[in-house]
PDB file of N, CA and C in Angstrom:
ATOM      1  N   MET A   1     -10.777  21.117-241.316  1.00  0.00           N
ATOM      2  CA  MET A   1     -11.009  21.133-239.860  1.00  0.00           C
ATOM      3  C   MET A   1      -9.926  21.963-239.228  1.00  0.00           C
ATOM      4  N   ASP A   2     -10.298  22.757-238.271  1.00  0.00           N
ATOM      5  CA  ASP A   2      -9.361  23.655-237.617  1.00  0.00           C
ATOM      6  C   ASP A   2      -8.611  23.037-236.447  1.00  0.00           C
ATOM      7  N   GLY A   3      -8.871  21.845-236.100  1.00  0.00           N
ATOM      8  CA  GLY A   3      -8.208  21.134-234.973  1.00  0.00           C
ATOM      9  C   GLY A   3      -8.844  21.424-233.620  1.00  0.00           C
ATOM     10  N   ALA A   4      -9.874  22.229-233.544  1.00  0.00           N
ATOM     11  CA  ALA A   4     -10.554  22.556-232.275  1.00  0.00           C
ATOM     12  C   ALA A   4     -11.314  21.338-231.805  1.00  0.00           C
ATOM     13  N   ILE A   5     -11.374  21.143-230.520  1.00  0.00           N
ATOM     14  CA  ILE A   5     -12.163  20.057-229.894  1.00  0.00           C
ATOM     15  C   ILE A   5     -13.332  20.673-229.195  1.00  0.00           C
ATOM     16  N   ASP A   6     -14.524  20.154-229.460  1.00  0.00           N
ATOM     17  CA  ASP A   6     -15.738  20.620-228.776  1.00  0.00           C
ATOM     18  C   ASP A   6     -15.934  19.714-227.567  1.00  0.00           C
ATOM     19  N   ILE A   7     -15.964  20.280-226.400  1.00  0.00           N
ATOM     20  CA  ILE A   7     -16.271  19.512-225.169  1.00  0.00           C
ATOM     21  C   ILE A   7     -17.725  19.824-224.836  1.00  0.00           C
ATOM     22  N   ASN A   8     -18.568  18.807-224.894  1.00  0.00           N
ATOM     23  CA  ASN A   8     -20.035  18.920-224.825  1.00  0.00           C
ATOM     24  C   ASN A   8     -20.537  18.198-223.624  1.00  0.00           C
ATOM     25  N   CYS A   9     -21.659  18.699-223.084  1.00  0.00           N
ATOM     26  CA  CYS A   9     -22.309  18.090-221.915  1.00  0.00           C
ATOM     27  C   CYS A   9     -23.803  18.348-221.943  1.00  0.00           C
ATOM     28  N   ASP A  10     -24.614  17.359-221.488  1.00  0.00           N
ATOM     29  CA  ASP A  10     -26.035  17.556-221.275  1.00  0.00           C
ATOM     30  C   ASP A  10     -26.215  18.243-219.943  1.00  0.00           C
ATOM     31  N   LEU A  11     -27.027  19.322-219.929  1.00  0.00           N
ATOM     32  CA  LEU A  11     -27.214  20.133-218.711  1.00  0.00           C
ATOM     33  C   LEU A  11     -28.704  20.463-218.582  1.00  0.00           C
ATOM     34  N   GLY A  12     -29.027  21.101-217.436  1.00  0.00           N
ATOM     35  CA  GLY A  12     -30.404  21.612-217.244  1.00  0.00           C
ATOM     36  C   GLY A  12     -31.410  20.551-216.899  1.00  0.00           C
ATOM     37  N   GLU A  13     -31.018  19.497-216.224  1.00  0.00           N
ATOM     38  CA  GLU A  13     -31.915  18.361-215.967  1.00  0.00           C
ATOM     39  C   GLU A  13     -32.613  18.422-214.617  1.00  0.00           C
ATOM     40  N   GLY A  14     -32.460  19.489-213.917  1.00  0.00           N
ATOM     41  CA  GLY A  14     -33.121  19.614-212.623  1.00  0.00           C
ATOM     42  C   GLY A  14     -34.612  20.056-212.807  1.00  0.00           C
ATOM     43  N   PHE A  15     -35.308  20.136-211.685  1.00  0.00           N
ATOM     44  CA  PHE A  15     -36.722  20.636-211.701  1.00  0.00           C
ATOM     45  C   PHE A  15     -36.882  21.635-210.562  1.00  0.00           C
ATOM     46  N   GLY A  16     -37.257  22.854-210.919  1.00  0.00           N
ATOM     47  CA  GLY A  16     -37.500  23.876-209.920  1.00  0.00           C
ATOM     48  C   GLY A  16     -36.283  24.072-209.020  1.00  0.00           C
ATOM     49  N   VAL A  17     -36.460  23.849-207.700  1.00  0.00           N
ATOM     50  CA  VAL A  17     -35.370  24.010-206.789  1.00  0.00           C
ATOM     51  C   VAL A  17     -34.499  22.777-206.633  1.00  0.00           C
ATOM     52  N   TRP A  18     -34.974  21.657-207.197  1.00  0.00           N
ATOM     53  CA  TRP A  18     -34.209  20.397-207.148  1.00  0.00           C
ATOM     54  C   TRP A  18     -33.153  20.379-208.237  1.00  0.00           C
ATOM     55  N   GLN A  19     -31.927  20.262-207.850  1.00  0.00           N
ATOM     56  CA  GLN A  19     -30.807  20.310-208.821  1.00  0.00           C
ATOM     57  C   GLN A  19     -30.298  18.908-209.070  1.00  0.00           C
ATOM     58  N   LEU A  20     -29.986  18.632-210.348  1.00  0.00           N
ATOM     59  CA  LEU A  20     -29.344  17.389-210.726  1.00  0.00           C
ATOM     60  C   LEU A  20     -28.051  17.774-211.435  1.00  0.00           C
ATOM     61  N   GLY A  21     -26.971  17.357-210.890  1.00  0.00           N
ATOM     62  CA  GLY A  21     -25.689  17.659-211.518  1.00  0.00           C
ATOM     63  C   GLY A  21     -25.129  18.984-210.997  1.00  0.00           C
ATOM     64  N   VAL A  22     -24.032  19.351-211.565  1.00  0.00           N
ATOM     65  CA  VAL A  22     -23.297  20.595-211.182  1.00  0.00           C
ATOM     66  C   VAL A  22     -23.142  21.447-212.465  1.00  0.00           C
ATOM     67  N   ASP A  23     -24.242  21.967-212.936  1.00  0.00           N
ATOM     68  CA  ASP A  23     -24.238  22.663-214.214  1.00  0.00           C
ATOM     69  C   ASP A  23     -23.282  23.864-214.180  1.00  0.00           C
ATOM     70  N   GLU A  24     -23.298  24.664-213.115  1.00  0.00           N
ATOM     71  CA  GLU A  24     -22.448  25.868-213.004  1.00  0.00           C
ATOM     72  C   GLU A  24     -20.966  25.488-213.129  1.00  0.00           C
ATOM     73  N   GLU A  25     -20.583  24.430-212.488  1.00  0.00           N
ATOM     74  CA  GLU A  25     -19.182  23.977-212.565  1.00  0.00           C
ATOM     75  C   GLU A  25     -18.833  23.455-213.929  1.00  0.00           C
ATOM     76  N   LEU A  26     -19.738  22.671-214.501  1.00  0.00           N
ATOM     77  CA  LEU A  26     -19.514  22.111-215.833  1.00  0.00           C
ATOM     78  C   LEU A  26     -19.366  23.208-216.891  1.00  0.00           C
ATOM     79  N   LEU A  27     -20.156  24.270-216.769  1.00  0.00           N
ATOM     80  CA  LEU A  27     -20.087  25.349-217.726  1.00  0.00           C
ATOM     81  C   LEU A  27     -18.710  26.030-217.779  1.00  0.00           C
ATOM     82  N   GLN A  28     -17.921  25.834-216.776  1.00  0.00           N
ATOM     83  CA  GLN A  28     -16.550  26.391-216.781  1.00  0.00           C
ATOM     84  C   GLN A  28     -15.583  25.547-217.641  1.00  0.00           C
ATOM     85  N   SER A  29     -16.028  24.313-217.982  1.00  0.00           N
ATOM     86  CA  SER A  29     -15.137  23.420-218.653  1.00  0.00           C
ATOM     87  C   SER A  29     -15.548  22.957-220.074  1.00  0.00           C
ATOM     88  N   VAL A  30     -16.776  23.330-220.457  1.00  0.00           N
ATOM     89  CA  VAL A  30     -17.295  22.859-221.752  1.00  0.00           C
ATOM     90  C   VAL A  30     -17.337  23.956-222.763  1.00  0.00           C
ATOM     91  N   THR A  31     -17.368  23.613-224.018  1.00  0.00           N
ATOM     92  CA  THR A  31     -17.530  24.580-225.073  1.00  0.00           C
ATOM     93  C   THR A  31     -18.908  24.611-225.678  1.00  0.00           C
ATOM     94  N   SER A  32     -19.675  23.541-225.429  1.00  0.00           N
ATOM     95  CA  SER A  32     -21.092  23.528-225.847  1.00  0.00           C
ATOM     96  C   SER A  32     -21.879  22.655-224.893  1.00  0.00           C
ATOM     97  N   ALA A  33     -23.147  23.019-224.757  1.00  0.00           N
ATOM     98  CA  ALA A  33     -24.055  22.349-223.803  1.00  0.00           C
ATOM     99  C   ALA A  33     -25.350  22.049-224.495  1.00  0.00           C
ATOM    100  N   ASN A  34     -25.866  20.800-224.287  1.00  0.00           N
ATOM    101  CA  ASN A  34     -27.221  20.476-224.735  1.00  0.00           C
ATOM    102  C   ASN A  34     -28.145  20.615-223.540  1.00  0.00           C
ATOM    103  N   VAL A  35     -29.100  21.531-223.653  1.00  0.00           N
ATOM    104  CA  VAL A  35     -30.017  21.835-222.548  1.00  0.00           C
ATOM    105  C   VAL A  35     -31.263  20.974-222.667  1.00  0.00           C
ATOM    106  N   ALA A  36     -31.574  20.273-221.574  1.00  0.00           N
ATOM    107  CA  ALA A  36     -32.770  19.413-221.581  1.00  0.00           C
ATOM    108  C   ALA A  36     -34.016  20.239-221.853  1.00  0.00           C
ATOM    109  N   CYS A  37     -34.819  19.748-222.758  1.00  0.00           N
ATOM    110  CA  CYS A  37     -36.121  20.367-223.057  1.00  0.00           C
ATOM    111  C   CYS A  37     -37.063  19.276-223.562  1.00  0.00           C
ATOM    112  N   GLY A  38     -38.340  19.484-223.400  1.00  0.00           N
ATOM    113  CA  GLY A  38     -39.268  18.464-223.824  1.00  0.00           C
ATOM    114  C   GLY A  38     -39.832  17.692-222.681  1.00  0.00           C
ATOM    115  N   PHE A  39     -39.370  17.971-221.470  1.00  0.00           N
ATOM    116  CA  PHE A  39     -39.949  17.434-220.239  1.00  0.00           C
ATOM    117  C   PHE A  39     -39.597  15.996-219.919  1.00  0.00           C
ATOM    118  N   HIS A  40     -38.543  15.460-220.522  1.00  0.00           N
ATOM    119  CA  HIS A  40     -38.000  14.203-219.927  1.00  0.00           C
ATOM    120  C   HIS A  40     -37.108  14.556-218.782  1.00  0.00           C
ATOM    121  N   ALA A  41     -36.676  15.799-218.726  1.00  0.00           N
ATOM    122  CA  ALA A  41     -35.919  16.361-217.603  1.00  0.00           C
ATOM    123  C   ALA A  41     -35.994  17.857-217.733  1.00  0.00           C
ATOM    124  N   GLY A  42     -35.713  18.571-216.703  1.00  0.00           N
ATOM    125  CA  GLY A  42     -35.754  20.004-216.750  1.00  0.00           C
ATOM    126  C   GLY A  42     -37.144  20.558-216.689  1.00  0.00           C
ATOM    127  N   ASP A  43     -37.243  21.879-216.667  1.00  0.00           N
ATOM    128  CA  ASP A  43     -38.514  22.565-216.734  1.00  0.00           C
ATOM    129  C   ASP A  43     -38.216  23.931-217.357  1.00  0.00           C
ATOM    130  N   PRO A  44     -39.246  24.713-217.733  1.00  0.00           N
ATOM    131  CA  PRO A  44     -38.988  26.012-218.395  1.00  0.00           C
ATOM    132  C   PRO A  44     -38.068  26.934-217.632  1.00  0.00           C
ATOM    133  N   GLU A  45     -38.174  27.002-216.338  1.00  0.00           N
ATOM    134  CA  GLU A  45     -37.306  27.918-215.532  1.00  0.00           C
ATOM    135  C   GLU A  45     -35.861  27.429-215.551  1.00  0.00           C
ATOM    136  N   VAL A  46     -35.672  26.080-215.430  1.00  0.00           N
ATOM    137  CA  VAL A  46     -34.344  25.524-215.463  1.00  0.00           C
ATOM    138  C   VAL A  46     -33.730  25.708-216.817  1.00  0.00           C
ATOM    139  N   MET A  47     -34.513  25.507-217.898  1.00  0.00           N
ATOM    140  CA  MET A  47     -34.014  25.719-219.213  1.00  0.00           C
ATOM    141  C   MET A  47     -33.539  27.138-219.421  1.00  0.00           C
ATOM    142  N   ALA A  48     -34.334  28.128-219.053  1.00  0.00           N
ATOM    143  CA  ALA A  48     -33.958  29.535-219.210  1.00  0.00           C
ATOM    144  C   ALA A  48     -32.706  29.876-218.417  1.00  0.00           C
ATOM    145  N   ARG A  49     -32.666  29.426-217.187  1.00  0.00           N
ATOM    146  CA  ARG A  49     -31.480  29.689-216.326  1.00  0.00           C
ATOM    147  C   ARG A  49     -30.243  29.037-216.902  1.00  0.00           C
ATOM    148  N   THR A  50     -30.328  27.852-217.444  1.00  0.00           N
ATOM    149  CA  THR A  50     -29.169  27.152-217.968  1.00  0.00           C
ATOM    150  C   THR A  50     -28.691  27.807-219.245  1.00  0.00           C
ATOM    151  N   VAL A  51     -29.606  28.220-220.121  1.00  0.00           N
ATOM    152  CA  VAL A  51     -29.212  28.914-221.343  1.00  0.00           C
ATOM    153  C   VAL A  51     -28.532  30.253-221.017  1.00  0.00           C
ATOM    154  N   ARG A  52     -29.132  30.963-220.079  1.00  0.00           N
ATOM    155  CA  ARG A  52     -28.555  32.242-219.689  1.00  0.00           C
ATOM    156  C   ARG A  52     -27.133  32.098-219.131  1.00  0.00           C
ATOM    157  N   ALA A  53     -26.932  31.117-218.242  1.00  0.00           N
ATOM    158  CA  ALA A  53     -25.621  30.862-217.690  1.00  0.00           C
ATOM    159  C   ALA A  53     -24.640  30.425-218.768  1.00  0.00           C
ATOM    160  N   ALA A  54     -25.070  29.638-219.712  1.00  0.00           N
ATOM    161  CA  ALA A  54     -24.142  29.227-220.783  1.00  0.00           C
ATOM    162  C   ALA A  54     -23.766  30.416-221.632  1.00  0.00           C
ATOM    163  N   ARG A  55     -24.709  31.251-222.019  1.00  0.00           N
ATOM    164  CA  ARG A  55     -24.412  32.403-222.870  1.00  0.00           C
ATOM    165  C   ARG A  55     -23.438  33.368-222.114  1.00  0.00           C
ATOM    166  N   GLU A  56     -23.649  33.515-220.826  1.00  0.00           N
ATOM    167  CA  GLU A  56     -22.746  34.427-220.044  1.00  0.00           C
ATOM    168  C   GLU A  56     -21.287  33.961-220.103  1.00  0.00           C
ATOM    169  N   ARG A  57     -21.094  32.674-220.315  1.00  0.00           N
ATOM    170  CA  ARG A  57     -19.757  32.098-220.309  1.00  0.00           C
ATOM    171  C   ARG A  57     -19.238  31.794-221.742  1.00  0.00           C
ATOM    172  N   GLY A  58     -20.041  32.197-222.747  1.00  0.00           N
ATOM    173  CA  GLY A  58     -19.622  31.968-224.121  1.00  0.00           C
ATOM    174  C   GLY A  58     -19.736  30.538-224.584  1.00  0.00           C
ATOM    175  N   VAL A  59     -20.547  29.732-223.873  1.00  0.00           N
ATOM    176  CA  VAL A  59     -20.773  28.309-224.209  1.00  0.00           C
ATOM    177  C   VAL A  59     -21.872  28.221-225.240  1.00  0.00           C
ATOM    178  N   ARG A  60     -21.631  27.499-226.347  1.00  0.00           N
ATOM    179  CA  ARG A  60     -22.690  27.311-227.328  1.00  0.00           C
ATOM    180  C   ARG A  60     -23.783  26.426-226.754  1.00  0.00           C
ATOM    181  N   VAL A  61     -25.041  26.675-227.208  1.00  0.00           N
ATOM    182  CA  VAL A  61     -26.171  25.978-226.656  1.00  0.00           C
ATOM    183  C   VAL A  61     -26.903  25.170-227.748  1.00  0.00           C
ATOM    184  N   GLY A  62     -27.232  23.969-227.436  1.00  0.00           N
ATOM    185  CA  GLY A  62     -28.092  23.160-228.294  1.00  0.00           C
ATOM    186  C   GLY A  62     -29.232  22.609-227.493  1.00  0.00           C
ATOM    187  N   ALA A  63     -30.230  22.099-228.161  1.00  0.00           N
ATOM    188  CA  ALA A  63     -31.381  21.517-227.495  1.00  0.00           C
ATOM    189  C   ALA A  63     -31.189  20.029-227.303  1.00  0.00           C
ATOM    190  N   HIS A  64     -31.608  19.535-226.152  1.00  0.00           N
ATOM    191  CA  HIS A  64     -31.589  18.110-225.916  1.00  0.00           C
ATOM    192  C   HIS A  64     -33.083  17.729-225.664  1.00  0.00           C
ATOM    193  N   PRO A  65     -33.821  17.586-226.764  1.00  0.00           N
ATOM    194  CA  PRO A  65     -35.239  17.318-226.593  1.00  0.00           C
ATOM    195  C   PRO A  65     -35.498  15.873-226.182  1.00  0.00           C
ATOM    196  N   GLY A  66     -36.596  15.648-225.534  1.00  0.00           N
ATOM    197  CA  GLY A  66     -37.022  14.332-225.113  1.00  0.00           C
ATOM    198  C   GLY A  66     -38.531  14.302-224.992  1.00  0.00           C
ATOM    199  N   LEU A  67     -39.063  13.118-225.016  1.00  0.00           N
ATOM    200  CA  LEU A  67     -40.500  12.941-224.905  1.00  0.00           C
ATOM    201  C   LEU A  67     -40.957  13.307-223.466  1.00  0.00           C
ATOM    202  N   PRO A  68     -42.247  13.657-223.275  1.00  0.00           N
ATOM    203  CA  PRO A  68     -42.767  14.020-221.973  1.00  0.00           C
ATOM    204  C   PRO A  68     -42.938  12.734-221.120  1.00  0.00           C
ATOM    205  N   ASP A  69     -41.841  12.216-220.704  1.00  0.00           N
ATOM    206  CA  ASP A  69     -41.809  10.914-220.082  1.00  0.00           C
ATOM    207  C   ASP A  69     -40.888  10.928-218.871  1.00  0.00           C
ATOM    208  N   LEU A  70     -41.305  11.499-217.768  1.00  0.00           N
ATOM    209  CA  LEU A  70     -40.431  11.634-216.584  1.00  0.00           C
ATOM    210  C   LEU A  70     -40.071  10.224-216.011  1.00  0.00           C
ATOM    211  N   VAL A  71     -40.990   9.295-215.973  1.00  0.00           N
ATOM    212  CA  VAL A  71     -40.701   8.001-215.384  1.00  0.00           C
ATOM    213  C   VAL A  71     -39.698   7.262-216.222  1.00  0.00           C
ATOM    214  N   GLY A  72     -39.775   7.329-217.534  1.00  0.00           N
ATOM    215  CA  GLY A  72     -38.838   6.601-218.413  1.00  0.00           C
ATOM    216  C   GLY A  72     -37.708   7.474-218.890  1.00  0.00           C
ATOM    217  N   PHE A  73     -37.567   8.691-218.387  1.00  0.00           N
ATOM    218  CA  PHE A  73     -36.508   9.667-218.750  1.00  0.00           C
ATOM    219  C   PHE A  73     -36.491   9.870-220.260  1.00  0.00           C
ATOM    220  N   GLY A  74     -37.693   9.892-220.879  1.00  0.00           N
ATOM    221  CA  GLY A  74     -37.787  10.198-222.302  1.00  0.00           C
ATOM    222  C   GLY A  74     -37.409   9.083-223.242  1.00  0.00           C
ATOM    223  N   ARG A  75     -37.273   7.884-222.684  1.00  0.00           N
ATOM    224  CA  ARG A  75     -36.790   6.803-223.529  1.00  0.00           C
ATOM    225  C   ARG A  75     -37.914   5.802-223.961  1.00  0.00           C
ATOM    226  N   ARG A  76     -39.099   5.900-223.409  1.00  0.00           N
ATOM    227  CA  ARG A  76     -40.167   4.999-223.797  1.00  0.00           C
ATOM    228  C   ARG A  76     -40.822   5.550-225.084  1.00  0.00           C
ATOM    229  N   ALA A  77     -41.289   4.637-225.915  1.00  0.00           N
ATOM    230  CA  ALA A  77     -41.976   5.051-227.111  1.00  0.00           C
ATOM    231  C   ALA A  77     -43.312   5.752-226.785  1.00  0.00           C
ATOM    232  N   MET A  78     -43.548   6.865-227.435  1.00  0.00           N
ATOM    233  CA  MET A  78     -44.741   7.629-227.259  1.00  0.00           C
ATOM    234  C   MET A  78     -45.171   8.171-228.613  1.00  0.00           C
ATOM    235  N   ALA A  79     -46.444   8.187-228.913  1.00  0.00           N
ATOM    236  CA  ALA A  79     -46.964   8.691-230.130  1.00  0.00           C
ATOM    237  C   ALA A  79     -47.388  10.174-229.901  1.00  0.00           C
ATOM    238  N   ILE A  80     -46.619  11.131-230.374  1.00  0.00           N
ATOM    239  CA  ILE A  80     -46.996  12.537-230.296  1.00  0.00           C
ATOM    240  C   ILE A  80     -46.841  13.148-231.664  1.00  0.00           C
ATOM    241  N   SER A  81     -47.619  14.200-231.920  1.00  0.00           N
ATOM    242  CA  SER A  81     -47.519  14.880-233.212  1.00  0.00           C
ATOM    243  C   SER A  81     -46.289  15.727-233.326  1.00  0.00           C
ATOM    244  N   PRO A  82     -45.869  16.044-234.548  1.00  0.00           N
ATOM    245  CA  PRO A  82     -44.741  17.002-234.690  1.00  0.00           C
ATOM    246  C   PRO A  82     -45.023  18.334-233.995  1.00  0.00           C
ATOM    247  N   GLU A  83     -46.296  18.811-234.056  1.00  0.00           N
ATOM    248  CA  GLU A  83     -46.615  20.086-233.427  1.00  0.00           C
ATOM    249  C   GLU A  83     -46.407  19.980-231.910  1.00  0.00           C
ATOM    250  N   ARG A  84     -46.866  18.883-231.317  1.00  0.00           N
ATOM    251  CA  ARG A  84     -46.679  18.707-229.864  1.00  0.00           C
ATOM    252  C   ARG A  84     -45.190  18.658-229.501  1.00  0.00           C
ATOM    253  N   ALA A  85     -44.398  17.963-230.314  1.00  0.00           N
ATOM    254  CA  ALA A  85     -42.952  17.878-230.083  1.00  0.00           C
ATOM    255  C   ALA A  85     -42.352  19.295-230.124  1.00  0.00           C
ATOM    256  N   TYR A  86     -42.734  20.101-231.059  1.00  0.00           N
ATOM    257  CA  TYR A  86     -42.259  21.456-231.223  1.00  0.00           C
ATOM    258  C   TYR A  86     -42.647  22.313-229.979  1.00  0.00           C
ATOM    259  N   GLN A  87     -43.920  22.189-229.602  1.00  0.00           N
ATOM    260  CA  GLN A  87     -44.415  22.993-228.441  1.00  0.00           C
ATOM    261  C   GLN A  87     -43.733  22.608-227.151  1.00  0.00           C
ATOM    262  N   ASP A  88     -43.513  21.279-226.962  1.00  0.00           N
ATOM    263  CA  ASP A  88     -42.857  20.806-225.727  1.00  0.00           C
ATOM    264  C   ASP A  88     -41.410  21.282-225.675  1.00  0.00           C
ATOM    265  N   THR A  89     -40.741  21.315-226.806  1.00  0.00           N
ATOM    266  CA  THR A  89     -39.348  21.745-226.824  1.00  0.00           C
ATOM    267  C   THR A  89     -39.230  23.241-226.507  1.00  0.00           C
ATOM    268  N   LEU A  90     -40.182  24.010-226.927  1.00  0.00           N
ATOM    269  CA  LEU A  90     -40.098  25.459-226.665  1.00  0.00           C
ATOM    270  C   LEU A  90     -40.558  25.860-225.235  1.00  0.00           C
ATOM    271  N   SER A  91     -41.267  24.961-224.604  1.00  0.00           N
ATOM    272  CA  SER A  91     -41.869  25.293-223.300  1.00  0.00           C
ATOM    273  C   SER A  91     -40.803  25.604-222.255  1.00  0.00           C
TER     274      SER A  91
END
């Protein structure tokens, strides 16, 4: 181990013009970011904007997938196929 510390944060949880959190400010302090995808939070435009902003700052990007469950914030049990999970994460 090289002794480096990864400072990570979940980002990209807004919808359209509605913002949740202070993603731009957080990207100045983190080394990696999990971008919401799968529609428990975020939307395709917010995902793309968040990934672009992270890359511009040299922040590593990971996926923070969730079930298509806005009311339960992706935490309720839902039966979906692996193909649907894949498609939702890429959307």
